[in-house]
Amino acid sequence: MRTDELQSRVMAALDRFSPGNLSWLYRIYESQLRKQIHPGMLPAHVAVLADGNRRWARTNAPGEPLKIGYWAGANKLRQFARWCDDIGIKVVTLWVLSTDNLNRAESDELLPLLDVIVDLVRDLADSRRYQVMIVGDLRLLPGQVAADLQEAAERTSGIEGMHINIAVSYGGRHELTDAVRSLLTEEAGKGTTLAELAERLDIDQISEHLYTKGQPDPDLIIRTSGEQRLSGFLMWQSAHSEFYFCEALWPDFRRVDFFRALRDYEHRERRFGK
């Protein structure tokens, strides 16, 4: 199936959920929700586990290749980035491919997904609205895919807009392993012994070797599709995050669902472990 034909089918399926087809009552409700969100109470960093793309494809496009679900999910990620930017979020992390998925996926399923991810990252970069960064182990990806992702991200290095992390080939345990390996290598280069490192090792040293070093930890993590677990997502960074679980499959996630998540976050009492 040609890419343009596949995208047309995606858009036809998504049209059922587009704001243009919503009732005037729904649009009023969305507007009222937006007014309830106070700019000073927004999370600085929002992360999302965009789950449910394949289930969406099986339900909405039975008999079609699963790629139609990947396209639908990528289109929603583009929308989600705009929603975050419009409302004033500073940092967004989008998890698009885990190391577990990478290990389990068959090549006939993985390669189409990687094509969709590359197109997504290029589109975000080409918008010139965002600073895009790839977080994950690109060594696990096909060489050309890794190069394409890195090239697109590097084109946004001078942009001062919203920062978007694309978590691809990402796993929380894998990130921590890489962080410890990087820390040990750095300290060995300085001549530090293991005994010396063990004596003075602290949290900040490990944080400086994470994929997201220098960034604020996520204040709000959203997961769709009804699953209520993190699956290893940002294991270190999420220690004090607030979680919001939504029943909608990711391509069905609406702006009103996003506003509800932000309103819910605003009403939380954040203790930061105290």
Protein backbone atom coordinates (compact mmCIF):
# COMPACT_ATOMS: atom_id res chain seq x y z
CA MET A 1 0.00 0.00 0.00
CA ARG A 2 1.35 3.45 -0.92
CA THR A 3 2.20 5.84 1.90
CA ASP A 4 -0.22 8.53 0.66
CA GLU A 5 -3.07 6.02 0.47
CA LEU A 6 -2.28 4.74 3.96
CA GLN A 7 -2.25 8.27 5.36
CA SER A 8 -5.59 8.99 3.70
CA ARG A 9 -7.14 6.01 5.47
CA VAL A 10 -5.66 7.13 8.77
CA MET A 11 -7.15 10.58 8.39
CA ALA A 12 -10.53 9.16 7.41
CA ALA A 13 -10.59 7.07 10.58
CA LEU A 14 -9.46 9.98 12.74
CA ASP A 15 -12.04 12.34 11.28
CA ARG A 16 -14.66 10.71 13.47
CA PHE A 17 -12.87 12.14 16.48
CA SER A 18 -11.89 15.53 15.06
CA PRO A 19 -13.14 18.74 16.71
CA GLY A 20 -14.92 19.70 13.50
CA ASN A 21 -17.32 16.82 13.97
CA LEU A 22 -17.95 17.52 17.65
CA SER A 23 -21.15 19.10 18.86
CA TRP A 24 -21.26 22.75 19.90
CA LEU A 25 -21.78 21.53 23.47
CA TYR A 26 -18.52 19.60 23.39
CA ARG A 27 -16.63 22.63 22.09
CA ILE A 28 -18.07 24.76 24.89
CA TYR A 29 -16.99 22.15 27.43
CA GLU A 30 -13.46 22.13 26.02
CA SER A 31 -13.34 25.93 26.20
CA GLN A 32 -14.52 25.90 29.81
CA LEU A 33 -11.89 23.33 30.74
CA ARG A 34 -9.20 25.47 29.17
CA LYS A 35 -10.26 28.44 31.26
CA GLN A 36 -9.92 26.39 34.45
CA ILE A 37 -6.20 25.79 33.84
CA HIS A 38 -4.01 28.43 35.48
CA PRO A 39 -0.76 29.26 33.66
CA GLY A 40 1.16 29.47 36.91
CA MET A 41 0.17 25.90 37.83
CA LEU A 42 1.26 24.18 34.63
CA PRO A 43 3.79 21.34 34.75
CA ALA A 44 7.13 22.38 33.29
CA HIS A 45 7.77 18.91 31.87
CA VAL A 46 5.08 16.56 30.56
CA ALA A 47 5.92 13.02 29.46
CA VAL A 48 3.57 10.67 27.64
CA LEU A 49 3.41 6.93 27.06
CA ALA A 50 1.46 6.96 23.80
CA ASP A 51 -0.01 3.49 24.19
CA GLY A 52 -2.69 1.72 22.16
CA ASN A 53 -1.79 2.38 18.51
CA ARG A 54 -1.98 -1.26 17.43
CA ARG A 55 -5.23 -1.87 19.29
CA TRP A 56 -6.63 1.24 17.63
CA ALA A 57 -5.68 -0.11 14.21
CA ARG A 58 -7.30 -3.49 14.86
CA THR A 59 -10.51 -1.81 16.00
CA ASN A 60 -10.76 1.02 13.48
CA ALA A 61 -9.08 -0.50 10.43
CA PRO A 62 -9.56 -4.28 10.65
CA GLY A 63 -7.69 -6.13 7.97
CA GLU A 64 -5.36 -3.21 7.30
CA PRO A 65 -1.62 -3.30 8.12
CA LEU A 66 -0.71 -2.22 11.64
CA LYS A 67 1.19 0.69 10.13
CA ILE A 68 -2.11 2.53 9.92
CA GLY A 69 -2.12 2.58 13.73
CA TYR A 70 1.44 3.88 13.81
CA TRP A 71 0.52 6.68 11.41
CA ALA A 72 -2.52 7.55 13.53
CA GLY A 73 -0.38 7.60 16.65
CA ALA A 74 2.26 9.81 15.01
CA ASN A 75 -0.39 12.25 13.83
CA LYS A 76 -1.68 12.50 17.39
CA LEU A 77 1.87 13.10 18.66
CA ARG A 78 2.15 16.02 16.26
CA GLN A 79 -1.11 17.42 17.62
CA PHE A 80 -0.03 16.80 21.20
CA ALA A 81 3.20 18.74 20.65
CA ARG A 82 1.17 21.71 19.36
CA TRP A 83 -1.22 21.51 22.33
CA CYS A 84 1.71 21.56 24.75
CA ASP A 85 3.40 24.42 22.94
CA ASP A 86 0.22 26.48 22.71
CA ILE A 87 -0.52 26.20 26.41
CA GLY A 88 3.05 26.91 27.54
CA ILE A 89 4.69 23.59 28.46
CA LYS A 90 8.48 23.92 28.39
CA VAL A 91 9.62 20.29 28.00
CA VAL A 92 7.81 17.29 26.49
CA THR A 93 8.99 13.68 26.34
CA LEU A 94 7.32 11.33 23.86
CA TRP A 95 8.04 7.60 24.20
CA VAL A 96 7.70 6.09 20.73
CA LEU A 97 9.73 2.84 20.91
CA SER A 98 11.01 0.85 23.88
CA THR A 99 13.97 -1.48 23.99
CA ASP A 100 11.51 -4.27 24.90
CA ASN A 101 9.47 -3.57 21.78
CA LEU A 102 12.65 -3.46 19.76
CA ASN A 103 13.66 -6.90 20.97
CA ARG A 104 10.21 -8.46 20.47
CA ALA A 105 9.16 -6.95 17.16
CA GLU A 106 9.44 -8.85 13.90
CA SER A 107 11.22 -7.03 11.08
CA ASP A 108 8.06 -6.73 8.98
CA GLU A 109 6.45 -4.84 11.88
CA LEU A 110 9.50 -2.93 13.13
CA LEU A 111 10.67 -1.42 9.85
CA PRO A 112 7.35 0.32 9.07
CA LEU A 113 7.26 1.68 12.61
CA LEU A 114 10.79 3.05 12.27
CA ASP A 115 9.78 4.76 9.02
CA VAL A 116 6.90 6.45 10.84
CA ILE A 117 9.20 7.56 13.68
CA VAL A 118 11.74 9.06 11.29
CA ASP A 119 8.97 10.96 9.47
CA LEU A 120 7.63 12.23 12.80
CA VAL A 121 11.02 13.51 13.97
CA ARG A 122 11.69 15.16 10.61
CA ASP A 123 8.30 16.89 10.68
CA LEU A 124 8.85 18.20 14.21
CA ALA A 125 12.30 19.45 13.19
CA ASP A 126 11.03 21.01 9.97
CA SER A 127 8.38 22.98 11.86
CA ARG A 128 11.21 25.12 13.31
CA ARG A 129 9.10 25.48 16.47
CA TYR A 130 10.86 22.97 18.70
CA GLN A 131 14.25 21.86 19.89
CA VAL A 132 14.22 18.11 19.32
CA MET A 133 16.46 15.64 21.14
CA ILE A 134 16.69 11.88 20.73
CA VAL A 135 16.89 9.98 24.03
CA GLY A 136 17.66 6.27 23.89
CA ASP A 137 20.32 3.91 22.65
CA LEU A 138 20.66 4.60 18.93
CA ARG A 139 23.23 1.81 18.67
CA LEU A 140 20.34 -0.67 18.78
CA LEU A 141 18.72 0.80 15.65
CA PRO A 142 19.63 0.21 11.99
CA GLY A 143 22.48 2.55 11.08
CA GLN A 144 20.59 4.67 8.57
CA VAL A 145 17.61 5.09 10.88
CA ALA A 146 19.88 6.25 13.72
CA ALA A 147 21.67 8.67 11.38
CA ASP A 148 18.39 10.10 10.05
CA LEU A 149 17.04 10.67 13.56
CA GLN A 150 20.24 12.30 14.78
CA GLU A 151 20.51 14.52 11.70
CA ALA A 152 16.94 15.80 12.09
CA ALA A 153 17.44 16.51 15.78
CA GLU A 154 20.73 18.32 15.22
CA ARG A 155 19.02 20.72 12.81
CA THR A 156 17.02 22.09 15.76
CA SER A 157 19.95 22.73 18.12
CA GLY A 158 19.72 26.52 17.81
CA ILE A 159 15.97 26.77 18.25
CA GLU A 160 14.75 28.29 21.51
CA GLY A 161 11.24 26.86 21.40
CA MET A 162 9.72 24.05 23.43
CA HIS A 163 12.10 21.14 24.03
CA ILE A 164 10.88 17.74 22.80
CA ASN A 165 12.57 14.50 23.81
CA ILE A 166 11.84 11.61 21.46
CA ALA A 167 12.38 8.44 23.48
CA VAL A 168 13.24 5.83 20.85
CA SER A 169 15.05 2.58 21.55
CA TYR A 170 14.53 3.63 25.15
CA GLY A 171 14.24 1.55 28.32
CA GLY A 172 14.58 2.73 31.91
CA ARG A 173 16.88 -0.10 32.98
CA HIS A 174 18.90 0.34 29.80
CA GLU A 175 19.28 4.05 30.54
CA LEU A 176 20.50 3.40 34.08
CA THR A 177 22.95 0.80 32.81
CA ASP A 178 24.30 3.28 30.26
CA ALA A 179 24.50 5.99 32.93
CA VAL A 180 26.54 3.81 35.31
CA ARG A 181 28.78 2.64 32.47
CA SER A 182 29.38 6.25 31.38
CA LEU A 183 30.09 7.35 34.95
CA LEU A 184 32.58 4.53 35.54
CA THR A 185 34.34 5.24 32.25
CA GLU A 186 34.62 8.95 33.05
CA GLU A 187 35.97 8.36 36.54
CA ALA A 188 38.42 5.73 35.33
CA GLY A 189 39.75 8.29 32.86
CA LYS A 190 40.45 10.58 35.80
CA GLY A 191 42.32 7.82 37.62
CA THR A 192 39.62 7.36 40.27
CA THR A 193 39.60 3.94 41.89
CA LEU A 194 36.37 2.02 42.51
CA ALA A 195 36.88 2.40 46.26
CA GLU A 196 37.24 6.17 45.92
CA LEU A 197 34.15 6.40 43.72
CA ALA A 198 32.08 4.28 46.09
CA GLU A 199 33.06 6.56 48.95
CA ARG A 200 31.84 9.78 47.34
CA LEU A 201 29.21 8.67 44.80
CA ASP A 202 26.01 10.72 45.03
CA ILE A 203 22.68 11.14 43.23
CA ASP A 204 23.77 14.16 41.21
CA GLN A 205 26.70 12.26 39.69
CA ILE A 206 24.36 9.61 38.32
CA SER A 207 21.86 12.21 37.09
CA GLU A 208 24.61 13.85 35.06
CA HIS A 209 24.96 10.68 32.97
CA LEU A 210 21.28 10.11 32.16
CA TYR A 211 19.95 10.68 28.65
CA THR A 212 18.01 13.69 29.99
CA LYS A 213 20.88 15.27 31.93
CA GLY A 214 20.39 18.96 32.57
CA GLN A 215 16.62 18.80 32.12
CA PRO A 216 13.93 19.10 34.79
CA ASP A 217 12.37 15.80 35.83
CA PRO A 218 8.84 15.22 34.48
CA ASP A 219 6.15 16.80 36.64
CA LEU A 220 3.33 14.93 34.91
CA ILE A 221 3.39 11.56 33.15
CA ILE A 222 0.37 10.59 31.04
CA ARG A 223 -0.34 7.03 29.91
CA THR A 224 -3.18 6.12 27.58
CA SER A 225 -5.05 2.88 26.73
CA GLY A 226 -6.09 2.10 30.30
CA GLU A 227 -2.79 0.55 31.38
CA GLN A 228 -1.71 1.70 34.85
CA ARG A 229 2.01 1.06 34.96
CA LEU A 230 5.16 2.85 33.79
CA SER A 231 6.82 -0.11 32.07
CA GLY A 232 10.25 1.26 32.97
CA PHE A 233 9.63 4.74 31.55
CA LEU A 234 11.95 7.37 33.06
CA MET A 235 12.53 5.21 36.12
CA TRP A 236 15.03 7.57 37.74
CA GLN A 237 13.40 10.84 36.66
CA SER A 238 9.85 9.88 37.71
CA ALA A 239 10.60 9.52 41.44
CA HIS A 240 8.38 12.49 42.29
CA SER A 241 6.24 12.71 39.15
CA GLU A 242 2.45 12.83 39.16
CA PHE A 243 0.75 10.14 37.03
CA TYR A 244 -2.42 10.42 34.97
CA PHE A 245 -3.93 7.32 33.36
CA CYS A 246 -6.46 7.68 30.56
CA GLU A 247 -8.70 4.94 29.12
CA ALA A 248 -8.55 6.28 25.55
CA LEU A 249 -6.27 4.58 23.03
CA TRP A 250 -3.59 7.04 22.00
CA PRO A 251 -4.99 8.00 18.55
CA ASP A 252 -8.33 8.76 20.28
CA PHE A 253 -6.72 11.00 22.92
CA ARG A 254 -8.35 14.42 22.59
CA ARG A 255 -7.37 17.90 23.61
CA VAL A 256 -10.14 17.76 26.20
CA ASP A 257 -8.41 14.69 27.70
CA PHE A 258 -5.19 16.70 27.85
CA PHE A 259 -6.96 19.57 29.58
CA ARG A 260 -8.46 17.13 32.09
CA ALA A 261 -4.99 15.79 32.84
CA LEU A 262 -3.68 19.31 33.41
CA ARG A 263 -6.65 20.21 35.61
CA ASP A 264 -6.14 17.05 37.63
CA TYR A 265 -2.43 17.83 38.01
CA GLU A 266 -3.25 21.33 39.23
CA HIS A 267 -5.33 19.91 42.06
CA ARG A 268 -2.64 17.51 43.28
CA GLU A 269 -0.68 18.26 46.43
CA ARG A 270 2.91 17.59 45.51
CA ARG A 271 5.04 16.50 48.46
CA PHE A 272 8.28 15.50 46.70
CA GLY A 273 8.79 12.68 49.18
CA LYS A 274 8.33 14.88 52.26
